[in-house]
Protein backbone atom coordinates (compact mmCIF):
# COMPACT_ATOMS: atom_id res chain seq x y z
CA MET A 1 -13.87 -10.25 4.14
CA LYS A 2 -10.33 -10.14 5.45
CA LEU A 3 -7.99 -8.03 3.34
CA ALA A 4 -4.21 -7.71 3.61
CA THR A 5 -1.87 -5.26 1.90
CA TRP A 6 1.91 -5.53 1.82
CA ASN A 7 4.84 -3.97 0.03
CA ILE A 8 6.62 -7.28 -0.27
CA ASN A 9 9.81 -5.93 -1.92
CA SER A 10 10.17 -8.91 -4.34
CA VAL A 11 7.46 -11.55 -4.37
CA ARG A 12 9.82 -14.33 -5.42
CA LEU A 13 12.40 -13.56 -2.76
CA ARG A 14 9.77 -13.31 -0.01
CA LEU A 15 7.47 -16.09 -1.17
CA PRO A 16 8.18 -18.09 2.04
CA LEU A 17 7.07 -15.09 4.11
CA LEU A 18 3.96 -14.68 1.97
CA LYS A 19 3.10 -18.33 2.57
CA ARG A 20 3.62 -17.74 6.29
CA LEU A 21 1.21 -14.80 6.15
CA ILE A 22 -1.33 -17.02 4.40
CA ALA A 23 -0.92 -19.81 6.95
CA ASP A 24 -1.16 -17.47 9.94
CA GLN A 25 -3.89 -15.09 8.77
CA SER A 26 -5.72 -16.71 5.82
CA PRO A 27 -6.80 -13.41 4.21
CA ASP A 28 -9.54 -13.52 1.61
CA VAL A 29 -7.71 -10.91 -0.47
CA ILE A 30 -4.01 -10.04 -0.54
CA CYS A 31 -2.74 -6.92 -2.30
CA LEU A 32 0.98 -6.74 -2.98
CA GLN A 33 3.19 -3.87 -4.06
CA GLU A 34 6.76 -3.81 -5.35
CA THR A 35 6.52 -7.37 -6.63
CA LYS A 36 9.61 -6.71 -8.81
CA CYS A 37 8.60 -9.47 -11.17
CA ALA A 38 7.52 -9.66 -14.82
CA ASP A 39 4.15 -11.36 -15.16
CA GLU A 40 5.56 -14.52 -16.75
CA PHE A 41 7.76 -15.11 -13.70
CA PHE A 42 5.13 -14.36 -11.05
CA PRO A 43 4.65 -17.44 -8.75
CA ALA A 44 1.04 -17.78 -9.87
CA ASP A 45 0.83 -21.58 -9.62
CA GLU A 46 2.25 -21.71 -6.10
CA LEU A 47 -0.16 -19.05 -4.90
CA ALA A 48 -3.09 -20.74 -6.64
CA ALA A 49 -2.16 -23.94 -4.80
CA ALA A 50 -2.22 -21.91 -1.56
CA GLY A 51 -5.84 -20.96 -2.27
CA TYR A 52 -5.49 -17.83 -4.40
CA LYS A 53 -6.34 -19.01 -7.90
CA HIS A 54 -7.93 -15.67 -8.77
CA GLN A 55 -5.14 -13.21 -9.54
CA ALA A 56 -4.73 -9.79 -11.11
CA ILE A 57 -1.07 -9.04 -11.70
CA TRP A 58 0.84 -6.25 -13.40
CA GLY A 59 4.58 -6.39 -13.10
CA GLN A 60 7.90 -5.60 -14.67
CA LYS A 61 11.45 -6.79 -14.18
CA SER A 62 13.23 -5.57 -11.03
CA TYR A 63 11.00 -2.58 -10.22
CA ASN A 64 7.51 -1.70 -8.98
CA GLY A 65 4.69 -4.18 -9.74
CA VAL A 66 1.29 -4.68 -8.12
CA ALA A 67 -0.94 -7.71 -7.63
CA ILE A 68 -4.34 -8.65 -6.23
CA LEU A 69 -4.72 -12.25 -5.01
CA SER A 70 -8.15 -13.51 -4.05
CA ARG A 71 -9.99 -16.63 -2.97
CA ALA A 72 -13.09 -15.32 -4.77
CA PRO A 73 -13.21 -14.30 -8.45
CA VAL A 74 -11.63 -10.99 -9.44
CA THR A 75 -13.53 -9.29 -12.25
CA ASP A 76 -13.29 -6.02 -14.18
CA ILE A 77 -9.50 -5.93 -13.87
CA GLN A 78 -8.01 -2.59 -14.89
CA THR A 79 -4.47 -1.23 -15.03
CA TYR A 80 -3.75 2.49 -15.07
CA THR A 81 -1.10 4.65 -16.65
CA ARG A 82 -0.26 7.43 -14.21
CA VAL A 83 1.43 10.70 -15.19
CA GLY A 84 2.26 9.21 -18.58
CA LYS A 85 4.19 6.21 -17.26
CA ASP A 86 3.39 2.52 -17.73
CA ASP A 87 5.33 1.63 -14.61
CA CYS A 88 3.00 -0.90 -12.99
CA ARG A 89 1.85 1.15 -10.01
CA HIS A 90 -1.96 0.96 -10.01
CA ILE A 91 -4.31 -1.97 -10.61
CA SER A 92 -7.92 -2.57 -9.66
CA GLY A 93 -10.42 -5.40 -9.66
CA ARG A 94 -13.85 -6.19 -8.30
CA VAL A 95 -14.25 -8.82 -5.56
CA ASN A 96 -17.68 -9.66 -4.14
CA GLY A 97 -19.08 -6.45 -5.55
CA VAL A 98 -16.38 -4.23 -4.05
CA GLU A 99 -13.93 -2.34 -6.26
CA ILE A 100 -10.42 -2.76 -4.87
CA HIS A 101 -7.65 -0.38 -5.94
CA ASN A 102 -4.07 -1.37 -5.22
CA ALA A 103 -1.56 1.48 -5.62
CA TYR A 104 2.15 2.01 -5.21
CA ILE A 105 2.87 5.73 -5.11
CA PRO A 106 6.47 6.68 -6.02
CA ALA A 107 8.86 7.08 -3.11
CA GLY A 108 10.09 10.43 -4.44
CA GLY A 109 13.84 10.19 -3.88
CA TYR A 110 15.66 11.91 -1.04
CA GLU A 111 15.63 15.64 -1.83
CA PRO A 112 12.24 17.33 -1.25
CA ASP A 113 12.76 19.85 -4.04
CA PRO A 114 11.00 19.22 -7.36
CA VAL A 115 13.33 21.64 -9.15
CA ILE A 116 16.43 19.54 -8.54
CA ASN A 117 14.76 16.18 -7.95
CA PRO A 118 12.54 14.89 -10.78
CA LYS A 119 11.53 11.88 -8.65
CA PHE A 120 9.92 14.18 -6.10
CA GLN A 121 8.03 16.01 -8.85
CA HIS A 122 6.87 12.65 -10.21
CA LYS A 123 5.49 11.77 -6.79
CA LEU A 124 3.64 15.07 -6.37
CA ASP A 125 2.19 14.79 -9.88
CA PHE A 126 1.08 11.22 -9.21
CA VAL A 127 -0.86 12.22 -6.08
CA ASP A 128 -2.34 15.26 -7.81
CA GLU A 129 -3.53 13.10 -10.69
CA LEU A 130 -5.24 10.64 -8.33
CA ALA A 131 -6.88 13.50 -6.43
CA ALA A 132 -8.38 14.79 -9.68
CA TRP A 133 -9.31 11.29 -10.86
CA TRP A 134 -11.30 9.92 -7.93
CA PRO A 135 -14.28 12.31 -8.24
CA GLU A 136 -14.66 11.27 -11.89
CA GLN A 137 -15.27 7.62 -10.99
CA GLN A 138 -18.65 5.98 -10.63
CA ALA A 139 -20.17 5.78 -7.16
CA GLY A 140 -20.06 2.50 -5.27
CA ALA A 141 -18.19 0.60 -2.58
CA LYS A 142 -14.45 0.97 -3.01
CA ILE A 143 -11.27 0.13 -1.11
CA LEU A 144 -7.89 1.73 -1.74
CA VAL A 145 -4.85 -0.05 -0.39
CA GLY A 146 -1.14 0.10 -0.89
CA ASP A 147 2.22 1.59 -0.20
CA LEU A 148 1.19 5.21 -0.63
CA ASN A 149 4.64 6.35 0.51
CA ILE A 150 3.36 9.25 2.59
CA ALA A 151 3.07 9.40 6.37
CA PRO A 152 0.37 12.08 6.69
CA LEU A 153 -0.21 12.48 10.43
CA GLU A 154 1.97 13.71 13.27
CA HIS A 155 2.15 10.29 14.89
CA ASP A 156 2.71 8.42 11.64
CA VAL A 157 6.42 9.20 12.09
CA TRP A 158 8.80 8.93 15.02
CA ASP A 159 9.33 12.72 15.28
CA SER A 160 7.19 15.02 13.16
CA LYS A 161 9.34 18.13 13.71
CA LYS A 162 12.56 16.37 12.75
CA MET A 163 10.83 14.76 9.75
CA HIS A 164 9.38 18.05 8.50
CA ASN A 165 11.75 18.24 5.53
CA VAL A 166 12.18 14.50 4.98
CA VAL A 167 10.50 13.00 1.91
CA SER A 168 7.31 11.14 2.92
CA HIS A 169 6.35 13.69 5.60
CA THR A 170 6.91 17.09 3.97
CA PRO A 171 4.13 19.70 3.90
CA ALA A 172 3.91 19.42 0.10
CA GLU A 173 3.19 15.70 0.33
CA ARG A 174 0.91 15.84 3.36
CA THR A 175 -1.21 18.61 1.84
CA ARG A 176 -1.65 16.68 -1.39
CA PHE A 177 -2.35 13.47 0.49
CA ALA A 178 -5.15 15.15 2.44
CA ALA A 179 -6.57 16.54 -0.80
CA MET A 180 -6.53 13.08 -2.39
CA GLN A 181 -8.26 11.59 0.64
CA LYS A 182 -10.91 14.29 0.60
CA SER A 183 -11.46 14.03 -3.16
CA GLY A 184 -12.46 10.37 -2.88
CA GLY A 185 -14.33 10.75 0.39
CA TRP A 186 -11.99 8.14 1.81
CA HIS A 187 -12.11 6.87 5.40
CA ASP A 188 -8.84 5.71 6.99
CA ALA A 189 -9.66 2.14 8.00
CA VAL A 190 -6.53 1.59 10.09
CA ARG A 191 -6.73 4.84 12.07
CA HIS A 192 -10.39 3.93 12.62
CA PHE A 193 -9.08 1.38 15.13
CA TYR A 194 -5.80 3.09 16.12
CA PRO A 195 -6.66 6.80 16.32
CA GLU A 196 -4.15 9.56 16.91
CA PRO A 197 -2.13 10.17 19.04
CA GLU A 198 -1.11 6.49 18.99
CA LYS A 199 2.20 6.00 17.21
CA LEU A 200 1.70 3.74 14.22
CA TYR A 201 4.37 2.56 11.77
CA THR A 202 4.49 0.12 8.84
CA TRP A 203 8.04 0.72 7.59
CA TRP A 204 11.52 0.72 9.11
CA THR A 205 14.66 1.36 7.10
CA TYR A 206 17.13 -1.43 6.35
CA ARG A 207 19.87 1.04 7.28
CA GLN A 208 19.12 0.70 10.99
CA PRO A 209 20.03 -2.83 12.22
CA ASP A 210 18.39 -2.23 15.59
CA TRP A 211 15.18 -1.12 13.90
CA GLN A 212 12.98 -2.27 16.79
CA GLY A 213 15.04 -0.72 19.56
CA VAL A 214 15.49 2.61 17.82
CA ASN A 215 11.93 2.43 16.39
CA LYS A 216 12.27 5.30 13.92
CA GLY A 217 9.42 4.09 11.74
CA ARG A 218 6.89 5.63 9.40
CA ARG A 219 3.31 4.71 8.44
CA LEU A 220 3.57 4.53 4.66
CA ASP A 221 1.05 1.73 4.01
CA HIS A 222 -2.66 2.43 4.09
CA ILE A 223 -6.13 0.99 3.71
CA TRP A 224 -8.91 3.42 2.89
CA VAL A 225 -12.60 2.71 2.34
CA THR A 226 -15.54 4.67 0.98
CA PRO A 227 -18.04 5.84 3.62
CA ASP A 228 -20.56 3.12 2.75
CA LEU A 229 -18.04 0.48 3.88
CA ALA A 230 -17.00 2.19 7.12
CA PRO A 231 -19.87 0.67 9.19
CA ALA A 232 -18.68 -2.80 8.15
CA LEU A 233 -15.18 -2.36 9.58
CA LYS A 234 -14.51 -5.03 12.20
CA SER A 235 -10.79 -4.98 13.06
CA ALA A 236 -7.32 -3.98 11.95
CA GLN A 237 -3.93 -5.61 12.49
CA ILE A 238 -0.40 -4.25 12.12
CA LEU A 239 1.87 -7.30 11.70
CA LYS A 240 5.06 -5.83 13.15
CA THR A 241 6.61 -9.23 13.82
CA MET A 242 7.04 -9.74 10.07
CA ARG A 243 9.71 -7.03 10.06
CA GLY A 244 11.82 -9.25 12.30
CA ALA A 245 11.56 -12.31 10.06
CA GLU A 246 14.50 -13.75 8.14
CA GLN A 247 15.06 -11.74 4.93
CA PRO A 248 12.17 -9.37 5.67
CA SER A 249 10.68 -6.63 3.59
CA ASP A 250 11.26 -3.18 5.04
CA HIS A 251 7.44 -2.87 5.10
CA ILE A 252 5.04 -5.00 7.11
CA PRO A 253 1.61 -6.32 6.15
CA ILE A 254 -1.48 -4.63 7.48
CA ILE A 255 -4.88 -6.30 7.60
CA VAL A 256 -8.43 -5.01 7.86
CA GLU A 257 -11.40 -7.28 8.42
CA PHE A 258 -14.93 -6.38 7.33
């Protein structure tokens, strides 16, 4: 199986880039975040014609939204309300016997203080809820993918000391992220092939036109697997060239092959 995950930042706007990803990589499963599209307007027919007739989608107008696209049937589709919000951030489905979870953790705003920034508190609560939830789930092969909006390791950001108090790399987020990873027994499938201290980024801000030259990126997008799937890991790709495409997302796709 070849699985891709991508915060596409509007599936309708970036449909040409999604078709390019399909043509170049032909993933068996594609997980999208931030589709920004109500279900009735999702380009389901076009993607079915491209080979992905099996789809699990959960979207809303203008914000958030997650989708699982597959060449093989997707069964046992579930959507999840997190911290009391039906904001289309977590969907799962079973493909070839593997339970795939596609999540879009809140970005958390700009001020890393939950007292004055409710968005940051929402993010922390979201991660805490997932950390408590994973141990309650049935055993079995699972994959978690998505824009998890936290860069947990020193070399997941361009300068860890300077990013210490920047949302996505704060101690409060990194500590919770590690707890969530431990609670599910998750194995980092991308760092499996690109271990620290290699710099690894999946996001570059739109605010920096020379994003590649300056290269102040962050690794916000992740693929995790349960330990029973770790021996099946074959390769990982970080598709950095997609950031330089016309009308790109600020995130790039990442791919893991089993």
